Amino acid sequence: MKKWENVAFGSSIFIVLTFLPPYLDTIGISFLLKSVCIISVLLGVLFSLSKINFLQKSVTKKVGWLTLITVFIFVSIFADLMN
C-alpha cells in the first residue's frame, strides 16, 4: 500500500460488498442485475475516490495495512449490529 487511495479502495470494496447485496436481496432483483448493480456502484465509488487529492499522498505499508484492518473490523461489527 503506497498511497491512501489504495487503502480507500480496499475499504470501499469491503463496505459495498458488505452492505449492498443484502439490500438488493430485499428488493428481490435477479442475480445478473444484482451483479451489474454492484459492479457499477464499485466503479463509481472507485472513480470518485481517485479524484480526491488527499488520497494521493503516500503512506507506509504498516500504517496502510493497520488502517485497512481496522476498517474491516469496524465495518464487520457494524454490519453484525445492524442484523
N, C-alpha and C. Protein backbone atom coordinates (compact mmCIF):
# COMPACT_ATOMS: atom_id res chain seq x y z
N MET A 1 0.85 -1.16 0.00
CA MET A 1 0.00 0.00 0.00
C MET A 1 0.89 1.23 0.00
N LYS A 2 0.94 1.89 -1.12
CA LYS A 2 1.83 3.03 -1.24
C LYS A 2 1.10 4.36 -1.13
N LYS A 3 -0.23 4.37 -1.34
CA LYS A 3 -1.00 5.60 -1.25
C LYS A 3 -2.26 5.36 -0.43
N TRP A 4 -2.77 6.44 0.11
CA TRP A 4 -4.04 6.34 0.84
C TRP A 4 -5.16 5.90 -0.08
N GLU A 5 -5.00 6.15 -1.36
CA GLU A 5 -6.01 5.75 -2.34
C GLU A 5 -6.23 4.24 -2.32
N ASN A 6 -5.15 3.47 -2.17
CA ASN A 6 -5.27 2.01 -2.13
C ASN A 6 -6.01 1.56 -0.87
N VAL A 7 -5.76 2.24 0.25
CA VAL A 7 -6.47 1.92 1.49
C VAL A 7 -7.96 2.22 1.31
N ALA A 8 -8.27 3.36 0.70
CA ALA A 8 -9.66 3.73 0.46
C ALA A 8 -10.33 2.77 -0.52
N PHE A 9 -9.60 2.31 -1.54
CA PHE A 9 -10.15 1.33 -2.48
C PHE A 9 -10.55 0.05 -1.76
N GLY A 10 -9.63 -0.48 -0.96
CA GLY A 10 -9.93 -1.72 -0.22
C GLY A 10 -11.08 -1.55 0.73
N SER A 11 -11.12 -0.43 1.43
CA SER A 11 -12.20 -0.18 2.38
C SER A 11 -13.54 -0.04 1.67
N SER A 12 -13.57 0.69 0.57
CA SER A 12 -14.83 0.90 -0.13
C SER A 12 -15.34 -0.39 -0.76
N ILE A 13 -14.45 -1.21 -1.29
CA ILE A 13 -14.89 -2.50 -1.85
C ILE A 13 -15.51 -3.35 -0.76
N PHE A 14 -14.87 -3.39 0.41
CA PHE A 14 -15.40 -4.18 1.52
C PHE A 14 -16.75 -3.64 2.00
N ILE A 15 -16.88 -2.33 2.08
CA ILE A 15 -18.14 -1.72 2.54
C ILE A 15 -19.26 -1.99 1.55
N VAL A 16 -19.00 -1.81 0.26
CA VAL A 16 -20.03 -2.05 -0.75
C VAL A 16 -20.45 -3.52 -0.76
N LEU A 17 -19.48 -4.43 -0.70
CA LEU A 17 -19.83 -5.86 -0.73
C LEU A 17 -20.47 -6.33 0.57
N THR A 18 -20.32 -5.58 1.64
CA THR A 18 -20.96 -5.95 2.90
C THR A 18 -22.40 -5.47 2.97
N PHE A 19 -22.66 -4.24 2.54
CA PHE A 19 -23.98 -3.64 2.75
C PHE A 19 -24.90 -3.67 1.54
N LEU A 20 -24.38 -3.68 0.32
CA LEU A 20 -25.25 -3.61 -0.85
C LEU A 20 -25.98 -4.91 -1.18
N PRO A 21 -25.36 -6.09 -1.16
CA PRO A 21 -26.10 -7.30 -1.53
C PRO A 21 -27.31 -7.61 -0.64
N PRO A 22 -27.24 -7.46 0.69
CA PRO A 22 -28.47 -7.70 1.46
C PRO A 22 -29.60 -6.73 1.11
N TYR A 23 -29.25 -5.49 0.81
CA TYR A 23 -30.27 -4.52 0.41
C TYR A 23 -30.89 -4.93 -0.92
N LEU A 24 -30.06 -5.37 -1.86
CA LEU A 24 -30.59 -5.79 -3.16
C LEU A 24 -31.41 -7.07 -3.04
N ASP A 25 -31.10 -7.92 -2.06
CA ASP A 25 -31.92 -9.12 -1.83
C ASP A 25 -33.31 -8.77 -1.34
N THR A 26 -33.42 -7.74 -0.51
CA THR A 26 -34.74 -7.34 -0.02
C THR A 26 -35.59 -6.74 -1.13
N ILE A 27 -34.95 -6.13 -2.11
CA ILE A 27 -35.69 -5.61 -3.25
C ILE A 27 -36.18 -6.76 -4.12
N GLY A 28 -35.38 -7.82 -4.20
CA GLY A 28 -35.79 -9.01 -4.94
C GLY A 28 -35.45 -8.97 -6.40
N ILE A 29 -34.26 -8.51 -6.75
CA ILE A 29 -33.87 -8.48 -8.15
C ILE A 29 -33.03 -9.72 -8.48
N SER A 30 -32.87 -9.98 -9.76
CA SER A 30 -32.18 -11.19 -10.20
C SER A 30 -30.68 -11.10 -9.93
N PHE A 31 -30.03 -12.25 -10.00
CA PHE A 31 -28.59 -12.32 -9.74
C PHE A 31 -27.79 -11.50 -10.74
N LEU A 32 -28.17 -11.57 -12.01
CA LEU A 32 -27.45 -10.83 -13.05
C LEU A 32 -27.58 -9.33 -12.83
N LEU A 33 -28.77 -8.86 -12.53
CA LEU A 33 -28.98 -7.44 -12.28
C LEU A 33 -28.28 -6.99 -11.01
N LYS A 34 -28.25 -7.86 -10.00
CA LYS A 34 -27.54 -7.54 -8.76
C LYS A 34 -26.05 -7.42 -9.02
N SER A 35 -25.50 -8.30 -9.83
CA SER A 35 -24.07 -8.23 -10.17
C SER A 35 -23.74 -6.96 -10.93
N VAL A 36 -24.57 -6.59 -11.88
CA VAL A 36 -24.35 -5.37 -12.65
C VAL A 36 -24.43 -4.15 -11.74
N CYS A 37 -25.37 -4.15 -10.83
CA CYS A 37 -25.53 -3.03 -9.90
C CYS A 37 -24.32 -2.90 -8.99
N ILE A 38 -23.82 -4.01 -8.46
CA ILE A 38 -22.65 -3.98 -7.57
C ILE A 38 -21.43 -3.49 -8.33
N ILE A 39 -21.22 -3.97 -9.54
CA ILE A 39 -20.07 -3.56 -10.33
C ILE A 39 -20.15 -2.07 -10.67
N SER A 40 -21.33 -1.59 -11.03
CA SER A 40 -21.46 -0.17 -11.38
C SER A 40 -21.26 0.72 -10.15
N VAL A 41 -21.75 0.31 -8.99
CA VAL A 41 -21.54 1.10 -7.78
C VAL A 41 -20.05 1.11 -7.42
N LEU A 42 -19.40 -0.05 -7.51
CA LEU A 42 -17.97 -0.11 -7.20
C LEU A 42 -17.15 0.77 -8.14
N LEU A 43 -17.45 0.73 -9.43
CA LEU A 43 -16.71 1.56 -10.38
C LEU A 43 -16.93 3.04 -10.11
N GLY A 44 -18.16 3.41 -9.77
CA GLY A 44 -18.45 4.81 -9.45
C GLY A 44 -17.72 5.28 -8.20
N VAL A 45 -17.71 4.43 -7.17
CA VAL A 45 -17.02 4.79 -5.92
C VAL A 45 -15.51 4.88 -6.15
N LEU A 46 -14.94 3.91 -6.84
CA LEU A 46 -13.50 3.92 -7.08
C LEU A 46 -13.08 5.10 -7.96
N PHE A 47 -13.91 5.46 -8.93
CA PHE A 47 -13.61 6.62 -9.76
C PHE A 47 -13.65 7.90 -8.92
N SER A 48 -14.65 7.99 -8.05
CA SER A 48 -14.76 9.18 -7.19
C SER A 48 -13.58 9.28 -6.23
N LEU A 49 -13.16 8.16 -5.68
CA LEU A 49 -12.03 8.17 -4.75
C LEU A 49 -10.72 8.55 -5.44
N SER A 50 -10.59 8.20 -6.70
CA SER A 50 -9.34 8.51 -7.40
C SER A 50 -9.19 10.00 -7.67
N LYS A 51 -10.26 10.77 -7.56
CA LYS A 51 -10.22 12.21 -7.82
C LYS A 51 -9.94 13.02 -6.56
N ILE A 52 -9.91 12.42 -5.39
CA ILE A 52 -9.67 13.14 -4.14
C ILE A 52 -8.17 13.33 -3.96
N ASN A 53 -7.75 14.57 -3.82
CA ASN A 53 -6.32 14.88 -3.76
C ASN A 53 -5.65 14.34 -2.50
N PHE A 54 -6.34 14.34 -1.37
CA PHE A 54 -5.74 13.87 -0.13
C PHE A 54 -5.31 12.41 -0.23
N LEU A 55 -6.06 11.62 -0.97
CA LEU A 55 -5.78 10.19 -1.07
C LEU A 55 -4.58 9.89 -1.96
N GLN A 56 -4.03 10.90 -2.63
CA GLN A 56 -2.86 10.70 -3.48
C GLN A 56 -1.56 10.73 -2.69
N LYS A 57 -1.64 11.10 -1.40
CA LYS A 57 -0.43 11.16 -0.57
C LYS A 57 0.05 9.75 -0.24
N SER A 58 1.36 9.63 -0.04
CA SER A 58 1.92 8.31 0.24
C SER A 58 1.74 7.94 1.72
N VAL A 59 1.76 6.64 1.96
CA VAL A 59 1.60 6.11 3.31
C VAL A 59 2.51 4.89 3.43
N THR A 60 2.99 4.63 4.63
CA THR A 60 3.82 3.44 4.81
C THR A 60 2.94 2.20 4.78
N LYS A 61 3.55 1.08 4.47
CA LYS A 61 2.79 -0.17 4.38
C LYS A 61 2.15 -0.53 5.72
N LYS A 62 2.90 -0.33 6.79
CA LYS A 62 2.40 -0.70 8.12
C LYS A 62 1.15 0.10 8.49
N VAL A 63 1.20 1.41 8.30
CA VAL A 63 0.05 2.25 8.63
C VAL A 63 -1.12 1.95 7.70
N GLY A 64 -0.85 1.74 6.43
CA GLY A 64 -1.91 1.42 5.47
C GLY A 64 -2.63 0.13 5.81
N TRP A 65 -1.87 -0.92 6.10
CA TRP A 65 -2.49 -2.20 6.44
C TRP A 65 -3.24 -2.13 7.77
N LEU A 66 -2.68 -1.43 8.75
CA LEU A 66 -3.37 -1.30 10.03
C LEU A 66 -4.68 -0.54 9.89
N THR A 67 -4.66 0.50 9.08
CA THR A 67 -5.89 1.25 8.83
C THR A 67 -6.92 0.39 8.12
N LEU A 68 -6.50 -0.37 7.13
CA LEU A 68 -7.41 -1.23 6.39
C LEU A 68 -8.00 -2.31 7.28
N ILE A 69 -7.19 -2.93 8.10
CA ILE A 69 -7.68 -3.97 9.02
C ILE A 69 -8.65 -3.38 10.04
N THR A 70 -8.35 -2.18 10.53
CA THR A 70 -9.24 -1.52 11.47
C THR A 70 -10.59 -1.22 10.84
N VAL A 71 -10.59 -0.76 9.61
CA VAL A 71 -11.85 -0.51 8.89
C VAL A 71 -12.62 -1.80 8.71
N PHE A 72 -11.94 -2.89 8.35
CA PHE A 72 -12.59 -4.18 8.20
C PHE A 72 -13.27 -4.60 9.50
N ILE A 73 -12.58 -4.44 10.62
CA ILE A 73 -13.15 -4.85 11.91
C ILE A 73 -14.36 -4.01 12.26
N PHE A 74 -14.25 -2.67 12.13
CA PHE A 74 -15.37 -1.80 12.49
C PHE A 74 -16.58 -2.03 11.59
N VAL A 75 -16.36 -2.21 10.31
CA VAL A 75 -17.48 -2.43 9.39
C VAL A 75 -18.13 -3.78 9.67
N SER A 76 -17.34 -4.80 9.96
CA SER A 76 -17.89 -6.12 10.28
C SER A 76 -18.75 -6.06 11.55
N ILE A 77 -18.26 -5.37 12.57
CA ILE A 77 -19.03 -5.24 13.81
C ILE A 77 -20.31 -4.45 13.56
N PHE A 78 -20.21 -3.35 12.79
CA PHE A 78 -21.39 -2.55 12.49
C PHE A 78 -22.41 -3.34 11.68
N ALA A 79 -21.96 -4.15 10.74
CA ALA A 79 -22.88 -4.96 9.94
C ALA A 79 -23.58 -6.00 10.80
N ASP A 80 -22.85 -6.60 11.75
CA ASP A 80 -23.47 -7.57 12.65
C ASP A 80 -24.48 -6.90 13.57
N LEU A 81 -24.20 -5.69 14.03
CA LEU A 81 -25.13 -4.99 14.90
C LEU A 81 -26.40 -4.59 14.16
N MET A 82 -26.29 -4.33 12.88
CA MET A 82 -27.47 -3.94 12.10
C MET A 82 -28.38 -5.12 11.83
N ASN A 83 -27.84 -6.31 11.81
CA ASN A 83 -28.67 -7.51 11.55
C ASN A 83 -29.13 -8.04 12.82
